[in-house]
């Protein structure tokens, strides 16, 4: 029995590039939400790892595929042996304003949409994954903030977390959006700050990493987060690369994130 009032998936006979599309009615959105899903070739594969990729401001569920060709790159990386086959799940953020921030609002809960509804919808519609699959979350810019925040808060679900060019505080949404920040404010100030959230969950954090470009306008904020985490002796991986706050950077360095997740998967299999 479905957890949702309505849910539909595209027909695999008509898919291109191993992409499928789910539309589901979510109580947390108060309406329908879209999810793009990359399913690697091989219908007999079961219980594959699953990676949620969150987009940034102005984007939607198609952004990762149609701005970076991530699905085509995945086919190549798997064929070359760089990565184990994985499902990539690319949801809309809920399409509020220029960006929902992936946080609860008064009228909708965009955090639970990602952490609960998206996961359940994919488990229901994609037979290659289930609740025993290793689950990871990543994102860029606003999506990096969302991934690190949600991954920490739902640490019992996720094996690994990664952020690219991440906002480190909800206040930084003001640099990108025209909506008043009052709509994004949380009841507790701690829920707006990555360092506060990571500290509050420090004893149960999954393995996590983040990176930023040397020409990125969020570089100083990412460096500060790294230094704060070091000061509190919270294990993490932080990297800086050439590049700015743009799709060229994200399209290239998403591989670093996927390799990080891949190593967690391989290490886990060795233990088993």
Protein backbone atom coordinates (compact mmCIF):
# COMPACT_ATOMS: atom_id res chain seq x y z
CA UNK A 1 0.00 0.00 0.00
CA UNK A 2 1.34 3.41 -0.97
CA UNK A 3 2.25 6.01 1.65
CA UNK A 4 0.98 8.68 -0.74
CA UNK A 5 -2.42 9.81 -1.97
CA UNK A 6 -1.05 9.97 -5.53
CA UNK A 7 2.30 8.97 -7.04
CA UNK A 8 3.34 8.34 -10.64
CA UNK A 9 6.57 7.38 -12.41
CA UNK A 10 7.61 7.74 -16.04
CA UNK A 11 7.67 4.65 -18.26
CA UNK A 12 11.24 3.20 -18.50
CA UNK A 13 10.56 2.33 -22.18
CA UNK A 14 10.74 6.03 -23.01
CA UNK A 15 13.56 7.13 -20.75
CA UNK A 16 16.71 8.78 -22.05
CA UNK A 17 20.08 8.54 -20.36
CA UNK A 18 18.70 6.24 -17.64
CA UNK A 19 16.63 9.07 -16.17
CA UNK A 20 13.16 8.49 -14.72
CA UNK A 21 10.73 10.98 -13.24
CA UNK A 22 8.48 10.72 -10.21
CA UNK A 23 5.67 13.08 -9.29
CA UNK A 24 4.15 12.64 -5.85
CA UNK A 25 1.62 14.44 -3.71
CA UNK A 26 3.30 15.42 -0.45
CA UNK A 27 1.57 16.51 2.74
CA UNK A 28 4.75 18.41 3.61
CA UNK A 29 4.56 20.45 0.41
CA UNK A 30 0.80 20.81 0.45
CA UNK A 31 0.82 19.69 -3.18
CA UNK A 32 2.88 17.78 -5.74
CA UNK A 33 6.65 17.51 -5.94
CA UNK A 34 8.95 16.38 -8.75
CA UNK A 35 11.93 14.02 -8.51
CA UNK A 36 14.41 13.05 -11.24
CA UNK A 37 16.08 9.69 -10.69
CA UNK A 38 19.15 8.25 -12.40
CA UNK A 39 18.95 4.45 -12.50
CA UNK A 40 22.16 2.77 -13.71
CA UNK A 41 21.90 0.13 -16.44
CA UNK A 42 21.10 -3.40 -15.30
CA UNK A 43 17.57 -4.24 -14.20
CA UNK A 44 18.78 -7.15 -12.05
CA UNK A 45 20.71 -4.92 -9.67
CA UNK A 46 19.15 -4.73 -6.22
CA UNK A 47 19.68 -2.75 -3.03
CA UNK A 48 21.95 -0.20 -4.69
CA UNK A 49 23.34 2.76 -2.76
CA UNK A 50 21.23 5.90 -3.12
CA UNK A 51 22.54 9.47 -3.29
CA UNK A 52 20.22 12.48 -2.94
CA UNK A 53 21.53 15.52 -4.84
CA UNK A 54 20.02 18.88 -3.89
CA UNK A 55 20.04 21.84 -6.27
CA UNK A 56 20.64 25.49 -5.42
CA UNK A 57 18.55 28.65 -5.71
CA UNK A 58 16.60 29.21 -8.95
CA UNK A 59 16.85 25.47 -9.75
CA UNK A 60 14.60 22.44 -9.83
CA UNK A 61 14.71 18.64 -10.07
CA UNK A 62 16.21 18.74 -13.58
CA UNK A 63 19.14 21.02 -12.70
CA UNK A 64 21.81 18.41 -11.94
CA UNK A 65 21.04 16.38 -15.06
CA UNK A 66 20.54 19.21 -17.51
CA UNK A 67 23.25 21.56 -16.25
CA UNK A 68 26.02 19.01 -15.58
CA UNK A 69 24.97 15.86 -17.48
CA UNK A 70 25.49 13.97 -14.22
CA UNK A 71 23.57 10.93 -15.51
CA UNK A 72 25.85 10.61 -18.54
CA UNK A 73 28.93 11.09 -16.39
CA UNK A 74 27.71 8.40 -14.00
CA UNK A 75 27.42 5.90 -16.86
CA UNK A 76 31.02 6.66 -17.82
CA UNK A 77 32.42 6.64 -14.27
CA UNK A 78 30.80 3.28 -13.54
CA UNK A 79 32.03 1.81 -16.83
CA UNK A 80 35.55 3.05 -16.05
CA UNK A 81 35.41 1.43 -12.61
CA UNK A 82 35.72 4.72 -10.72
CA UNK A 83 32.38 4.25 -8.96
CA UNK A 84 30.14 1.42 -7.91
CA UNK A 85 26.63 1.66 -9.44
CA UNK A 86 24.40 4.02 -7.45
CA UNK A 87 20.98 5.57 -7.75
CA UNK A 88 21.02 9.39 -7.97
CA UNK A 89 17.89 11.08 -6.64
CA UNK A 90 17.42 14.71 -7.66
CA UNK A 91 14.31 16.32 -6.12
CA UNK A 92 12.88 19.79 -6.46
CA UNK A 93 13.32 21.89 -3.34
CA UNK A 94 9.57 22.58 -3.35
CA UNK A 95 9.79 25.61 -5.66
CA UNK A 96 9.10 28.27 -3.03
CA UNK A 97 10.29 31.68 -4.22
CA UNK A 98 13.91 31.67 -5.42
CA UNK A 99 14.63 28.82 -3.03
CA UNK A 100 13.00 27.17 -0.02
CA UNK A 101 16.27 26.74 1.89
CA UNK A 102 15.20 23.13 2.51
CA UNK A 103 13.89 24.24 5.90
CA UNK A 104 10.47 24.18 7.55
CA UNK A 105 8.19 27.15 6.71
CA UNK A 106 4.90 28.06 8.32
CA UNK A 107 2.92 26.69 5.38
CA UNK A 108 5.13 23.77 4.31
CA UNK A 109 8.00 21.63 5.58
CA UNK A 110 10.69 21.46 2.91
CA UNK A 111 13.06 19.60 5.23
CA UNK A 112 10.66 16.70 5.74
CA UNK A 113 9.83 16.70 2.03
CA UNK A 114 13.44 15.77 1.32
CA UNK A 115 14.28 13.60 4.34
CA UNK A 116 11.01 11.67 4.44
CA UNK A 117 8.77 12.00 1.36
CA UNK A 118 11.50 11.87 -1.30
CA UNK A 119 13.15 8.85 0.30
CA UNK A 120 9.86 6.97 0.69
CA UNK A 121 8.74 7.80 -2.86
CA UNK A 122 11.96 6.46 -4.38
CA UNK A 123 11.87 3.31 -2.26
CA UNK A 124 8.31 2.75 -3.46
CA UNK A 125 8.88 3.36 -7.17
CA UNK A 126 12.46 2.23 -7.86
CA UNK A 127 12.97 -1.52 -7.27
CA UNK A 128 16.78 -1.23 -7.20
CA UNK A 129 16.66 0.45 -3.77
CA UNK A 130 14.97 -0.25 -0.46
CA UNK A 131 15.22 0.67 3.20
CA UNK A 132 18.37 -1.45 3.51
CA UNK A 133 20.23 0.57 0.85
CA UNK A 134 23.09 2.83 1.93
CA UNK A 135 21.78 6.40 1.81
CA UNK A 136 23.80 9.57 1.19
CA UNK A 137 22.97 13.24 0.67
CA UNK A 138 24.80 16.09 -1.06
CA UNK A 139 24.02 19.41 -2.68
CA UNK A 140 25.37 22.67 -4.03
CA UNK A 141 25.09 26.19 -2.58
CA UNK A 142 21.65 26.32 -0.93
CA UNK A 143 21.56 22.57 -1.52
CA UNK A 144 24.89 22.18 0.26
CA UNK A 145 23.38 23.93 3.28
CA UNK A 146 20.34 21.66 2.98
CA UNK A 147 22.42 18.49 2.64
CA UNK A 148 24.67 19.22 5.63
CA UNK A 149 21.73 20.36 7.74
CA UNK A 150 19.39 17.48 6.86
CA UNK A 151 22.17 14.90 6.94
CA UNK A 152 23.10 15.95 10.47
CA UNK A 153 19.54 16.13 11.75
CA UNK A 154 18.58 12.78 10.19
CA UNK A 155 21.88 11.12 11.04
CA UNK A 156 20.19 7.76 11.61
CA UNK A 157 19.32 7.63 7.89
CA UNK A 158 22.46 8.79 6.13
CA UNK A 159 25.85 7.07 5.84
CA UNK A 160 27.59 10.13 4.41
CA UNK A 161 27.05 13.84 3.73
CA UNK A 162 28.71 16.32 1.38
CA UNK A 163 28.31 19.98 0.45
CA UNK A 164 29.68 21.89 -2.54
CA UNK A 165 30.01 25.69 -2.27
CA UNK A 166 27.65 25.55 0.68
CA UNK A 167 25.85 28.33 2.45
CA UNK A 168 26.80 27.94 6.10
CA UNK A 169 24.00 30.06 7.59
CA UNK A 170 20.45 30.75 6.49
CA UNK A 171 21.24 34.49 6.51
CA UNK A 172 23.36 33.96 3.40
CA UNK A 173 20.23 33.27 1.36
CA UNK A 174 19.93 37.06 1.28
CA UNK A 175 22.84 37.18 -1.19
CA UNK A 176 20.87 35.20 -3.77
CA UNK A 177 17.11 35.66 -3.31
CA UNK A 178 14.64 38.53 -3.44
CA UNK A 179 12.26 37.09 -0.83
CA UNK A 180 12.29 38.46 2.70
CA UNK A 181 14.35 36.27 5.01
CA UNK A 182 11.58 36.43 7.61
CA UNK A 183 9.78 33.69 5.67
CA UNK A 184 12.73 31.33 6.26
CA UNK A 185 13.33 32.12 9.93
CA UNK A 186 13.30 29.12 12.25
CA UNK A 187 11.78 28.99 15.72
CA UNK A 188 15.22 28.31 17.19
CA UNK A 189 18.27 30.26 16.03
CA UNK A 190 20.36 27.08 16.27
CA UNK A 191 18.41 25.66 13.31
CA UNK A 192 19.72 28.40 11.00
CA UNK A 193 23.45 27.79 11.55
CA UNK A 194 25.41 24.79 10.27
CA UNK A 195 28.01 24.92 13.02
CA UNK A 196 25.30 24.96 15.68
CA UNK A 197 23.43 22.07 14.05
CA UNK A 198 26.59 20.01 13.59
CA UNK A 199 27.59 20.66 17.20
CA UNK A 200 24.16 19.63 18.48
CA UNK A 201 24.49 16.30 16.61
CA UNK A 202 28.25 15.84 17.09
CA UNK A 203 28.02 12.44 18.82
CA UNK A 204 26.00 10.86 15.99
CA UNK A 205 27.27 12.55 12.84
CA UNK A 206 27.79 10.43 9.72
CA UNK A 207 31.06 10.89 7.84
CA UNK A 208 30.93 14.25 6.07
CA UNK A 209 32.91 16.52 3.81
CA UNK A 210 32.53 19.87 2.06
CA UNK A 211 34.47 21.86 -0.49
CA UNK A 212 34.56 25.32 -2.01
CA UNK A 213 36.16 27.12 -4.94
CA UNK A 214 38.99 29.57 -4.44
CA UNK A 215 37.05 32.21 -6.40
CA UNK A 216 33.74 31.52 -4.67
CA UNK A 217 32.02 34.35 -2.78
CA UNK A 218 31.26 31.84 0.00
CA UNK A 219 34.90 30.79 0.45
CA UNK A 220 35.46 32.70 3.70
CA UNK A 221 32.29 31.26 5.24
CA UNK A 222 33.37 27.72 4.32
CA UNK A 223 36.86 28.31 5.72
CA UNK A 224 35.32 29.60 8.94
CA UNK A 225 33.12 26.51 9.25
CA UNK A 226 36.16 24.29 8.71
CA UNK A 227 38.12 26.16 11.40
CA UNK A 228 35.20 25.97 13.83
CA UNK A 229 34.88 22.23 13.29
CA UNK A 230 38.61 21.82 13.86
CA UNK A 231 38.32 23.84 17.05
CA UNK A 232 35.64 21.49 18.35
CA UNK A 233 37.58 18.41 17.14
CA UNK A 234 34.72 17.26 14.93
CA UNK A 235 36.05 14.88 12.25
CA UNK A 236 35.39 16.03 8.69
CA UNK A 237 37.08 16.53 5.34
CA UNK A 238 37.40 19.98 3.79
CA UNK A 239 38.86 20.74 0.35
CA UNK A 240 39.44 23.84 -1.77
CA UNK A 241 39.77 23.77 -5.54
CA UNK A 242 40.19 26.28 -8.33
CA UNK A 243 36.87 27.66 -9.50
CA UNK A 244 33.89 29.78 -8.54
CA UNK A 245 30.25 29.55 -7.62
CA UNK A 246 29.07 28.07 -10.91
CA UNK A 247 28.03 24.94 -12.77
CA UNK A 248 31.49 24.37 -14.21
CA UNK A 249 32.82 23.90 -10.68
CA UNK A 250 29.91 21.72 -9.52
CA UNK A 251 29.92 19.58 -12.66
CA UNK A 252 33.59 18.80 -12.12
CA UNK A 253 33.77 18.41 -8.35
CA UNK A 254 30.65 16.34 -7.80
CA UNK A 255 33.01 13.45 -8.60
CA UNK A 256 34.96 14.19 -5.40
CA UNK A 257 31.73 13.83 -3.45
CA UNK A 258 30.75 10.58 -5.17
CA UNK A 259 34.24 9.14 -4.66
CA UNK A 260 33.92 9.99 -0.95
CA UNK A 261 30.61 8.14 -0.77
CA UNK A 262 32.04 5.29 -2.84
CA UNK A 263 34.84 4.78 -0.32
CA UNK A 264 32.34 4.60 2.54
CA UNK A 265 30.45 1.92 0.59
CA UNK A 266 33.61 -0.08 -0.12
CA UNK A 267 34.78 0.16 3.50
CA UNK A 268 31.37 -1.02 4.69
CA UNK A 269 31.44 -4.03 2.37
CA UNK A 270 34.88 -5.02 3.63
CA UNK A 271 33.61 -4.97 7.22
CA UNK A 272 30.62 -7.12 6.31
